């Protein structure tokens, strides 16, 4: 061997063992993302590596001293590390390492990653939440002609409107078209929202296209009788009541209590077998919410009867089950004076007047403006909304404006909520960062 070749080979061996290139043995197949920040100060850090291995994360609020550690010693690709003992409103730094049989523990990334912990305790401080409806159209063939960049444009508009990250993000289902496979989720969800998911917890709803396609014999996830499959593998949702509210004991439906708002996520994909358990849990959960708190119920399928004219029935369940669900849910909504019910499934934006017992008071629709800047006082009724428009939207001539509808838009967009104890503001933001609709509600509850 020539001396030059010997030097070259020696140099390559040396480089291959330097710390900066150690992570080349393994890489992230799915970058780290945050899930379910609990009231006890724990955060789930989820990610996927290219090759099955053990992993660990060192973390702390001092870049120079990562004193805490969470590990997963199971040899696998998908990992869910629980970062404990977190304090609110603190920036935490972390480094993830993977185990190599020949060389020991090696870093999976060169630079430290970080996030700022949410803070659910300051009840009086305003916070921001985003709601994305049926967003996962990116790269889906059936949406490419008209909505190729709609999902990206809506998300960009929301970020530019806020100039800051929200405290949390919810979805309304249909997160990954066409069928909710791992590939669909990677290209339509994680590739789009991954940069924000590294900083902010996402709380998704299980939708029709996350389930799959029975006709094509592609069923990737089910929510009932037991949540399992791709969707429930990818997310860690608060089934134990650890984010507030009553434990549901299932990731299919759950609640999140954050400052002045109590959020509830329902599962309309599993109504055929979970109806009784879910509505009974909902009744108990809402009974624990103080009167001064805003309450928002979210679901993939909306309540369609009477509110949204000519909307078709839920195609995956029997009519008697659907009728029972709607009847039971309306009674609970009126019983606890729920402020909003927001759903997806239909690719348009539609908002009702505040409704009590499913209708408007006789003079209410006369005195309330139908302009896209509605102002109400709390207690005037529940506002029902459809907003499955964060990936596409179109006008359907068969869906005429119903008598109870205050505002309709067929333009794509996403919802931004800004809530404090006294004032609740909701903005519907279009692709061009324009405000397509906005609501302001004054909380007149006397004990605030």
Protein backbone atom coordinates (compact mmCIF):
# COMPACT_ATOMS: atom_id res chain seq x y z
CA UNK A 1 0.00 0.00 0.00
CA UNK A 2 1.39 3.41 -0.94
CA UNK A 3 2.02 5.88 1.93
CA UNK A 4 -0.57 8.27 0.51
CA UNK A 5 -3.21 5.56 0.36
CA UNK A 6 -2.31 4.47 3.89
CA UNK A 7 -2.74 8.04 5.16
CA UNK A 8 -6.07 8.35 3.34
CA UNK A 9 -7.43 5.09 4.80
CA UNK A 10 -6.25 6.06 8.29
CA UNK A 11 -7.91 9.46 7.95
CA UNK A 12 -11.22 7.91 6.85
CA UNK A 13 -11.17 5.52 9.81
CA UNK A 14 -10.48 8.42 12.17
CA UNK A 15 -13.32 10.48 10.69
CA UNK A 16 -15.75 7.57 10.94
CA UNK A 17 -15.21 7.45 14.71
CA UNK A 18 -15.52 11.17 15.46
CA UNK A 19 -18.57 12.18 17.56
CA UNK A 20 -19.96 14.46 14.85
CA UNK A 21 -20.44 11.55 12.45
CA UNK A 22 -21.33 8.93 15.03
CA UNK A 23 -25.03 9.41 14.42
CA UNK A 24 -24.58 8.30 10.80
CA UNK A 25 -25.09 4.72 12.02
CA UNK A 26 -28.70 5.59 12.77
CA UNK A 27 -30.95 8.47 11.81
CA UNK A 28 -34.43 9.74 12.52
CA UNK A 29 -36.97 8.28 10.16
CA UNK A 30 -39.57 10.47 11.85
CA UNK A 31 -38.25 13.53 13.68
CA UNK A 32 -39.07 14.02 17.40
CA UNK A 33 -42.45 15.56 18.22
CA UNK A 34 -44.28 16.46 21.43
CA UNK A 35 -47.41 14.82 22.79
CA UNK A 36 -49.68 15.30 25.80
CA UNK A 37 -48.14 17.74 28.28
CA UNK A 38 -49.68 16.65 31.58
CA UNK A 39 -50.70 18.70 34.59
CA UNK A 40 -48.09 16.78 36.60
CA UNK A 41 -45.29 18.20 34.43
CA UNK A 42 -44.58 15.35 32.01
CA UNK A 43 -44.24 15.47 28.24
CA UNK A 44 -44.17 12.62 25.74
CA UNK A 45 -41.34 12.84 23.21
CA UNK A 46 -42.03 10.51 20.27
CA UNK A 47 -39.85 9.67 17.25
CA UNK A 48 -38.85 6.87 14.88
CA UNK A 49 -35.30 5.75 14.02
CA UNK A 50 -34.15 4.03 10.84
CA UNK A 51 -32.84 0.91 12.57
CA UNK A 52 -34.28 -0.81 15.67
CA UNK A 53 -32.31 0.12 18.77
CA UNK A 54 -32.42 1.23 22.40
CA UNK A 55 -32.62 4.98 22.95
CA UNK A 56 -32.31 7.54 25.73
CA UNK A 57 -32.72 11.31 26.04
CA UNK A 58 -30.76 13.59 28.34
CA UNK A 59 -32.63 16.80 29.08
CA UNK A 60 -32.66 19.83 31.34
CA UNK A 61 -33.14 23.60 31.47
CA UNK A 62 -29.39 24.27 31.24
CA UNK A 63 -27.68 23.63 27.91
CA UNK A 64 -24.39 22.87 29.63
CA UNK A 65 -25.86 20.38 32.09
CA UNK A 66 -28.56 17.95 30.93
CA UNK A 67 -29.12 16.36 34.32
CA UNK A 68 -32.30 14.35 33.65
CA UNK A 69 -32.61 11.18 31.59
CA UNK A 70 -35.45 9.14 30.05
CA UNK A 71 -34.74 5.86 28.29
CA UNK A 72 -36.45 3.15 26.25
CA UNK A 73 -34.40 -0.06 26.42
CA UNK A 74 -36.66 -1.99 24.06
CA UNK A 75 -34.98 -2.61 20.71
CA UNK A 76 -37.42 -1.08 18.23
CA UNK A 77 -37.84 1.75 15.72
CA UNK A 78 -40.75 3.66 17.27
CA UNK A 79 -40.05 5.26 20.64
CA UNK A 80 -42.11 7.18 23.20
CA UNK A 81 -39.97 8.76 25.93
CA UNK A 82 -41.62 10.42 28.92
CA UNK A 83 -39.79 13.55 30.07
CA UNK A 84 -40.73 14.06 33.73
CA UNK A 85 -40.26 16.75 36.39
CA UNK A 86 -40.82 19.59 33.92
CA UNK A 87 -41.67 23.04 35.22
CA UNK A 88 -44.03 25.40 33.34
CA UNK A 89 -42.84 28.24 31.11
CA UNK A 90 -39.28 26.90 30.97
CA UNK A 91 -37.13 26.18 27.92
CA UNK A 92 -35.82 22.63 28.05
CA UNK A 93 -32.96 21.29 25.96
CA UNK A 94 -32.48 17.65 25.03
CA UNK A 95 -30.17 15.26 23.23
CA UNK A 96 -31.30 11.84 22.01
CA UNK A 97 -28.85 8.96 21.86
CA UNK A 98 -29.10 5.49 20.28
CA UNK A 99 -27.20 2.40 21.34
CA UNK A 100 -24.77 0.72 18.95
CA UNK A 101 -23.46 -2.74 19.86
CA UNK A 102 -19.91 -1.94 18.74
CA UNK A 103 -19.54 1.67 19.81
CA UNK A 104 -21.98 2.18 22.66
CA UNK A 105 -24.27 5.20 23.02
CA UNK A 106 -24.09 7.66 20.14
CA UNK A 107 -25.99 10.91 19.53
CA UNK A 108 -28.76 10.85 16.93
CA UNK A 109 -28.36 14.56 16.20
CA UNK A 110 -25.50 17.03 16.48
CA UNK A 111 -27.22 20.14 17.87
CA UNK A 112 -29.37 20.22 20.99
CA UNK A 113 -33.12 20.40 20.41
CA UNK A 114 -35.43 22.40 22.66
CA UNK A 115 -39.03 23.32 23.55
CA UNK A 116 -40.77 25.62 26.02
CA UNK A 117 -43.20 23.93 28.40
CA UNK A 118 -46.82 25.13 28.39
CA UNK A 119 -48.35 26.57 31.55
CA UNK A 120 -51.95 25.65 32.32
CA UNK A 121 -52.05 27.36 35.72
CA UNK A 122 -52.38 31.13 35.11
CA UNK A 123 -56.15 31.12 34.65
CA UNK A 124 -56.32 34.84 33.92
CA UNK A 125 -53.72 34.91 31.15
CA UNK A 126 -54.79 34.77 27.50
CA UNK A 127 -53.61 31.82 25.46
CA UNK A 128 -53.80 30.69 21.86
CA UNK A 129 -54.94 27.41 20.31
CA UNK A 130 -55.21 26.40 16.65
CA UNK A 131 -57.80 24.09 15.11
CA UNK A 132 -57.04 22.45 11.75
CA UNK A 133 -59.98 20.85 9.96
CA UNK A 134 -59.45 17.86 7.65
CA UNK A 135 -55.95 19.10 6.85
CA UNK A 136 -54.05 16.13 5.38
CA UNK A 137 -54.50 16.70 1.63
CA UNK A 138 -50.84 17.38 0.82
CA UNK A 139 -49.68 14.98 -1.93
CA UNK A 140 -53.08 13.22 -2.05
CA UNK A 141 -53.84 12.60 -5.73
CA UNK A 142 -57.52 13.57 -5.59
CA UNK A 143 -56.66 17.05 -4.23
CA UNK A 144 -53.63 17.89 -6.38
CA UNK A 145 -55.42 19.67 -9.22
CA UNK A 146 -57.26 22.31 -7.18
CA UNK A 147 -55.65 22.19 -3.73
CA UNK A 148 -52.01 21.32 -4.33
CA UNK A 149 -50.68 23.92 -1.89
CA UNK A 150 -53.79 24.64 0.16
CA UNK A 151 -52.66 22.77 3.27
CA UNK A 152 -49.28 24.52 3.21
CA UNK A 153 -50.83 27.93 2.50
CA UNK A 154 -53.36 27.70 5.36
CA UNK A 155 -50.69 26.63 7.83
CA UNK A 156 -48.35 29.39 6.69
CA UNK A 157 -51.14 31.98 6.96
CA UNK A 158 -51.90 30.93 10.55
CA UNK A 159 -48.24 31.16 11.55
CA UNK A 160 -47.88 34.59 9.94
CA UNK A 161 -51.09 35.84 11.53
CA UNK A 162 -49.94 34.80 14.98
CA UNK A 163 -46.25 35.77 14.71
CA UNK A 164 -45.74 33.17 17.42
CA UNK A 165 -46.47 29.54 18.17
CA UNK A 166 -49.79 28.59 19.81
CA UNK A 167 -49.98 26.82 23.15
CA UNK A 168 -51.53 23.76 21.49
CA UNK A 169 -53.01 22.52 18.20
CA UNK A 170 -56.13 20.40 17.66
CA UNK A 171 -57.26 18.72 14.46
CA UNK A 172 -60.78 17.72 13.40
CA UNK A 173 -59.85 14.40 11.80
CA UNK A 174 -58.88 13.33 8.28
CA UNK A 175 -55.28 14.07 9.13
CA UNK A 176 -53.74 11.96 6.37
CA UNK A 177 -55.41 11.34 3.00
CA UNK A 178 -56.22 9.04 1.37
CA UNK A 179 -56.23 6.18 3.89
CA UNK A 180 -54.22 7.01 7.02
CA UNK A 181 -51.25 4.71 6.40
CA UNK A 182 -47.82 5.43 7.88
CA UNK A 183 -46.78 6.75 4.48
CA UNK A 184 -49.84 9.01 4.30
CA UNK A 185 -49.15 10.42 7.76
CA UNK A 186 -45.50 11.06 6.99
CA UNK A 187 -46.11 12.97 3.77
CA UNK A 188 -49.37 14.74 4.70
CA UNK A 189 -48.94 15.40 8.41
CA UNK A 190 -45.43 15.12 9.81
CA UNK A 191 -43.73 16.57 6.72
CA UNK A 192 -46.05 19.58 6.92
CA UNK A 193 -46.43 20.19 10.66
CA UNK A 194 -43.25 18.55 11.96
CA UNK A 195 -41.38 21.79 12.71
CA UNK A 196 -44.21 23.01 14.95
CA UNK A 197 -44.85 19.56 16.47
CA UNK A 198 -41.29 19.71 17.84
CA UNK A 199 -42.34 22.74 19.87
CA UNK A 200 -46.08 22.42 20.53
CA UNK A 201 -48.30 19.48 21.59
CA UNK A 202 -50.78 18.32 18.92
CA UNK A 203 -54.14 16.76 19.87
CA UNK A 204 -55.67 15.04 16.81
CA UNK A 205 -59.15 13.63 16.28
CA UNK A 206 -59.61 10.26 14.60
CA UNK A 207 -61.34 10.80 11.24
CA UNK A 208 -62.79 8.81 8.37
CA UNK A 209 -59.67 8.93 6.19
CA UNK A 210 -57.46 8.07 9.16
CA UNK A 211 -59.47 4.86 9.42
CA UNK A 212 -58.80 3.73 5.84
CA UNK A 213 -60.95 2.44 3.00
CA UNK A 214 -63.09 -0.67 3.45
CA UNK A 215 -63.85 -0.94 -0.27
CA UNK A 216 -60.13 -1.14 -1.05
CA UNK A 217 -59.56 -3.45 1.94
CA UNK A 218 -57.20 -0.91 3.49
CA UNK A 219 -58.14 -0.40 7.13
CA UNK A 220 -55.22 1.07 9.07
CA UNK A 221 -56.83 2.09 12.39
CA UNK A 222 -59.95 1.53 14.47
CA UNK A 223 -61.11 3.37 17.59
CA UNK A 224 -63.55 0.84 19.03
CA UNK A 225 -63.84 -1.53 20.83
CA UNK A 226 -60.12 -0.92 21.38
CA UNK A 227 -58.07 1.91 19.81
CA UNK A 228 -55.34 0.36 17.66
CA UNK A 229 -53.54 0.82 14.39
CA UNK A 230 -51.44 3.51 12.74
CA UNK A 231 -53.26 6.56 14.17
CA UNK A 232 -53.09 5.35 17.76
CA UNK A 233 -49.48 4.21 17.36
CA UNK A 234 -48.41 7.66 16.20
CA UNK A 235 -50.05 9.71 18.96
CA UNK A 236 -50.14 9.54 22.75
CA UNK A 237 -53.44 11.08 23.88
CA UNK A 238 -54.65 11.87 27.44
CA UNK A 239 -56.82 8.89 28.31
CA UNK A 240 -55.98 9.04 32.03
CA UNK A 241 -57.26 12.57 32.61
CA UNK A 242 -53.65 13.70 32.98
CA UNK A 243 -54.31 16.81 30.87
CA UNK A 244 -57.36 17.72 32.96
CA UNK A 245 -60.92 16.50 33.22
CA UNK A 246 -62.11 12.96 33.90
CA UNK A 247 -60.13 9.95 32.67
CA UNK A 248 -61.84 8.40 29.63
CA UNK A 249 -59.65 5.26 29.72
CA UNK A 250 -59.38 5.41 25.94
CA UNK A 251 -57.38 7.52 23.48
CA UNK A 252 -60.40 7.66 21.16
CA UNK A 253 -62.00 10.48 23.18
CA UNK A 254 -60.57 12.67 25.90
CA UNK A 255 -60.46 16.14 27.44
CA UNK A 256 -57.80 18.83 27.79
CA UNK A 257 -58.15 21.50 30.46
CA UNK A 258 -56.02 24.58 29.78
CA UNK A 259 -56.34 27.86 31.67
CA UNK A 260 -59.81 29.29 31.03
CA UNK A 261 -60.95 26.67 28.47
CA UNK A 262 -62.03 23.04 28.77
CA UNK A 263 -61.62 21.18 25.47
CA UNK A 264 -63.39 17.88 24.76
CA UNK A 265 -62.60 15.55 21.85
CA UNK A 266 -65.30 13.02 20.86
CA UNK A 267 -65.04 9.93 18.65
CA UNK A 268 -67.72 9.70 15.96
CA UNK A 269 -65.95 6.89 14.11
CA UNK A 270 -66.65 4.43 16.93
CA UNK A 271 -70.27 5.28 17.74
CA UNK A 272 -71.44 1.83 16.75
CA UNK A 273 -69.88 0.38 19.90
CA UNK A 274 -68.81 3.24 22.20
CA UNK A 275 -71.90 5.47 22.24
CA UNK A 276 -73.13 4.75 25.77
CA UNK A 277 -69.70 4.79 27.39
CA UNK A 278 -68.70 8.01 25.64
CA UNK A 279 -71.80 10.07 26.41
CA UNK A 280 -71.80 8.87 30.02
CA UNK A 281 -68.15 9.91 30.32
CA UNK A 282 -68.92 13.27 28.68
CA UNK A 283 -71.68 13.94 31.22
CA UNK A 284 -69.33 13.21 34.12
CA UNK A 285 -66.47 15.17 32.58
CA UNK A 286 -68.47 18.35 31.97
CA UNK A 287 -69.93 18.14 35.48
CA UNK A 288 -66.43 18.83 36.85
CA UNK A 289 -65.90 22.02 34.81
CA UNK A 290 -66.39 25.29 36.76
CA UNK A 291 -69.12 27.53 35.38
CA UNK A 292 -66.67 30.33 34.63
CA UNK A 293 -64.67 28.20 32.19
CA UNK A 294 -65.31 28.19 28.46
CA UNK A 295 -66.21 24.75 27.06
CA UNK A 296 -65.54 23.51 23.53
CA UNK A 297 -66.56 20.10 22.17
CA UNK A 298 -64.83 18.89 19.00
CA UNK A 299 -65.59 15.93 16.75
CA UNK A 300 -64.92 14.74 13.22
CA UNK A 301 -68.57 14.39 12.15
CA UNK A 302 -70.93 17.26 13.00
CA UNK A 303 -74.46 17.13 14.34
CA UNK A 304 -76.22 17.63 11.03
CA UNK A 305 -79.96 17.58 11.68
CA UNK A 306 -81.62 20.99 11.52
CA UNK A 307 -78.34 22.90 11.86
CA UNK A 308 -76.68 22.32 8.51
CA UNK A 309 -79.27 21.87 5.79
CA UNK A 310 -79.10 18.83 3.50
CA UNK A 311 -75.99 17.38 5.15
CA UNK A 312 -76.02 13.64 4.67
CA UNK A 313 -76.20 11.13 7.53
CA UNK A 314 -73.15 9.48 9.05
CA UNK A 315 -72.44 6.79 6.48
CA UNK A 316 -70.66 4.32 8.74
CA UNK A 317 -73.29 3.82 11.48
CA UNK A 318 -76.94 2.81 11.74
CA UNK A 319 -79.57 5.54 11.70
CA UNK A 320 -80.93 4.67 15.16
CA UNK A 321 -77.43 4.96 16.67
CA UNK A 322 -76.91 8.33 14.99
CA UNK A 323 -80.27 9.64 16.22
CA UNK A 324 -79.56 8.46 19.77
CA UNK A 325 -76.11 10.07 19.72
CA UNK A 326 -77.48 13.41 18.54
CA UNK A 327 -80.35 13.37 21.05
CA UNK A 328 -78.12 12.48 24.02
CA UNK A 329 -75.43 14.95 22.99
CA UNK A 330 -77.86 17.85 22.58
CA UNK A 331 -79.25 17.28 26.07
CA UNK A 332 -75.76 17.32 27.56
CA UNK A 333 -74.77 20.42 25.58
CA UNK A 334 -77.82 22.31 26.86
CA UNK A 335 -77.42 20.94 30.39
CA UNK A 336 -73.88 22.31 30.74
CA UNK A 337 -74.32 25.34 28.48
CA UNK A 338 -71.45 24.37 26.20
CA UNK A 339 -70.06 27.39 24.33
CA UNK A 340 -68.95 25.75 21.07
CA UNK A 341 -69.20 22.50 19.17
CA UNK A 342 -66.71 22.44 16.29
CA UNK A 343 -66.55 19.64 13.70
CA UNK A 344 -64.94 18.79 10.39
CA UNK A 345 -65.78 16.19 7.71
CA UNK A 346 -67.44 18.70 5.35
CA UNK A 347 -65.09 20.88 3.35
CA UNK A 348 -66.65 24.23 4.08
CA UNK A 349 -66.86 26.69 6.97
CA UNK A 350 -70.30 27.18 8.52
CA UNK A 351 -71.39 28.77 11.79
CA UNK A 352 -74.80 28.87 13.45
CA UNK A 353 -76.30 31.53 15.64
CA UNK A 354 -76.06 30.71 19.37
CA UNK A 355 -78.66 27.98 19.89
CA UNK A 356 -80.60 26.83 22.95
CA UNK A 357 -82.44 23.51 22.64
CA UNK A 358 -81.48 23.48 18.99
CA UNK A 359 -83.12 26.76 18.03
CA UNK A 360 -82.84 30.53 18.12
CA UNK A 361 -84.90 32.67 20.45
CA UNK A 362 -87.67 34.43 18.54
CA UNK A 363 -86.04 37.87 18.25
CA UNK A 364 -82.41 36.77 18.33
CA UNK A 365 -81.77 36.48 14.59
CA UNK A 366 -83.16 39.98 14.07
CA UNK A 367 -80.87 41.80 16.49
CA UNK A 368 -77.65 39.87 15.66
CA UNK A 369 -75.69 40.99 12.63
CA UNK A 370 -74.75 38.38 10.02
CA UNK A 371 -71.52 40.24 9.23
CA UNK A 372 -68.33 38.26 9.72
CA UNK A 373 -67.60 39.97 13.03
CA UNK A 374 -70.23 38.54 15.37
CA UNK A 375 -70.37 39.72 18.99
CA UNK A 376 -72.33 37.89 21.66
CA UNK A 377 -72.67 37.62 25.40
CA UNK A 378 -71.97 34.29 27.01
CA UNK A 379 -75.07 32.28 27.89
CA UNK A 380 -77.01 33.17 24.75
CA UNK A 381 -76.55 29.63 23.44
CA UNK A 382 -74.16 27.14 21.86
CA UNK A 383 -72.50 27.98 18.54
CA UNK A 384 -72.17 24.97 16.22
CA UNK A 385 -69.48 25.07 13.56
CA UNK A 386 -68.20 23.04 10.61
CA UNK A 387 -64.61 23.80 9.62
CA UNK A 388 -63.15 20.94 7.58
CA UNK A 389 -61.26 23.40 5.40
CA UNK A 390 -57.55 23.39 6.30
CA UNK A 391 -56.67 21.26 3.27
CA UNK A 392 -59.46 22.05 0.81
CA UNK A 393 -62.85 23.76 0.50
CA UNK A 394 -65.50 23.99 -2.16
CA UNK A 395 -69.06 25.12 -2.71
CA UNK A 396 -71.77 22.51 -2.99
CA UNK A 397 -74.99 23.83 -4.48
CA UNK A 398 -77.00 21.18 -2.63
CA UNK A 399 -75.89 22.54 0.73
CA UNK A 400 -78.10 25.57 0.99
CA UNK A 401 -77.79 27.94 3.90
CA UNK A 402 -79.96 26.69 6.74
CA UNK A 403 -82.23 28.95 8.81
CA UNK A 404 -79.98 28.55 11.84
CA UNK A 405 -76.79 29.41 9.95
CA UNK A 406 -75.29 32.83 10.60
CA UNK A 407 -72.24 32.67 8.32
CA UNK A 408 -70.87 30.42 5.53
CA UNK A 409 -67.56 30.45 3.68
CA UNK A 410 -66.35 28.12 0.94
CA UNK A 411 -62.74 29.32 1.22
CA UNK A 412 -59.98 27.21 2.83
CA UNK A 413 -58.77 28.27 6.25
CA UNK A 414 -58.00 27.40 9.85
CA UNK A 415 -59.31 28.48 13.25
CA UNK A 416 -57.29 30.46 15.78
CA UNK A 417 -58.66 30.83 19.30
CA UNK A 418 -57.50 33.46 21.78
CA UNK A 419 -59.10 32.96 25.17
CA UNK A 420 -59.03 34.66 28.52
CA UNK A 421 -61.59 34.42 31.34
CA UNK A 422 -63.45 37.56 30.27
CA UNK A 423 -63.20 37.45 26.47
CA UNK A 424 -63.22 34.60 23.95
CA UNK A 425 -62.06 35.45 20.42
CA UNK A 426 -62.22 33.12 17.42
CA UNK A 427 -60.71 33.92 14.02
CA UNK A 428 -61.16 32.01 10.79
CA UNK A 429 -57.98 32.71 8.80
CA UNK A 430 -57.87 32.21 5.02
CA UNK A 431 -54.98 31.19 2.76
CA UNK A 432 -54.01 34.81 2.18
CA UNK A 433 -53.84 35.53 5.92
CA UNK A 434 -57.16 37.40 5.68
CA UNK A 435 -59.76 37.19 8.47
CA UNK A 436 -62.73 35.46 6.82
CA UNK A 437 -64.81 35.31 9.99
CA UNK A 438 -64.44 36.32 13.61
CA UNK A 439 -66.41 35.94 16.81
CA UNK A 440 -66.08 37.79 20.10
CA UNK A 441 -67.93 36.60 23.19
CA UNK A 442 -68.01 38.48 26.49
CA UNK A 443 -68.09 36.33 29.61
CA UNK A 444 -70.52 37.91 32.05
CA UNK A 445 -70.18 35.21 34.71
CA UNK A 446 -70.35 37.16 37.99
CA UNK A 447 -67.73 35.28 40.01
CA UNK A 448 -64.84 36.06 37.64
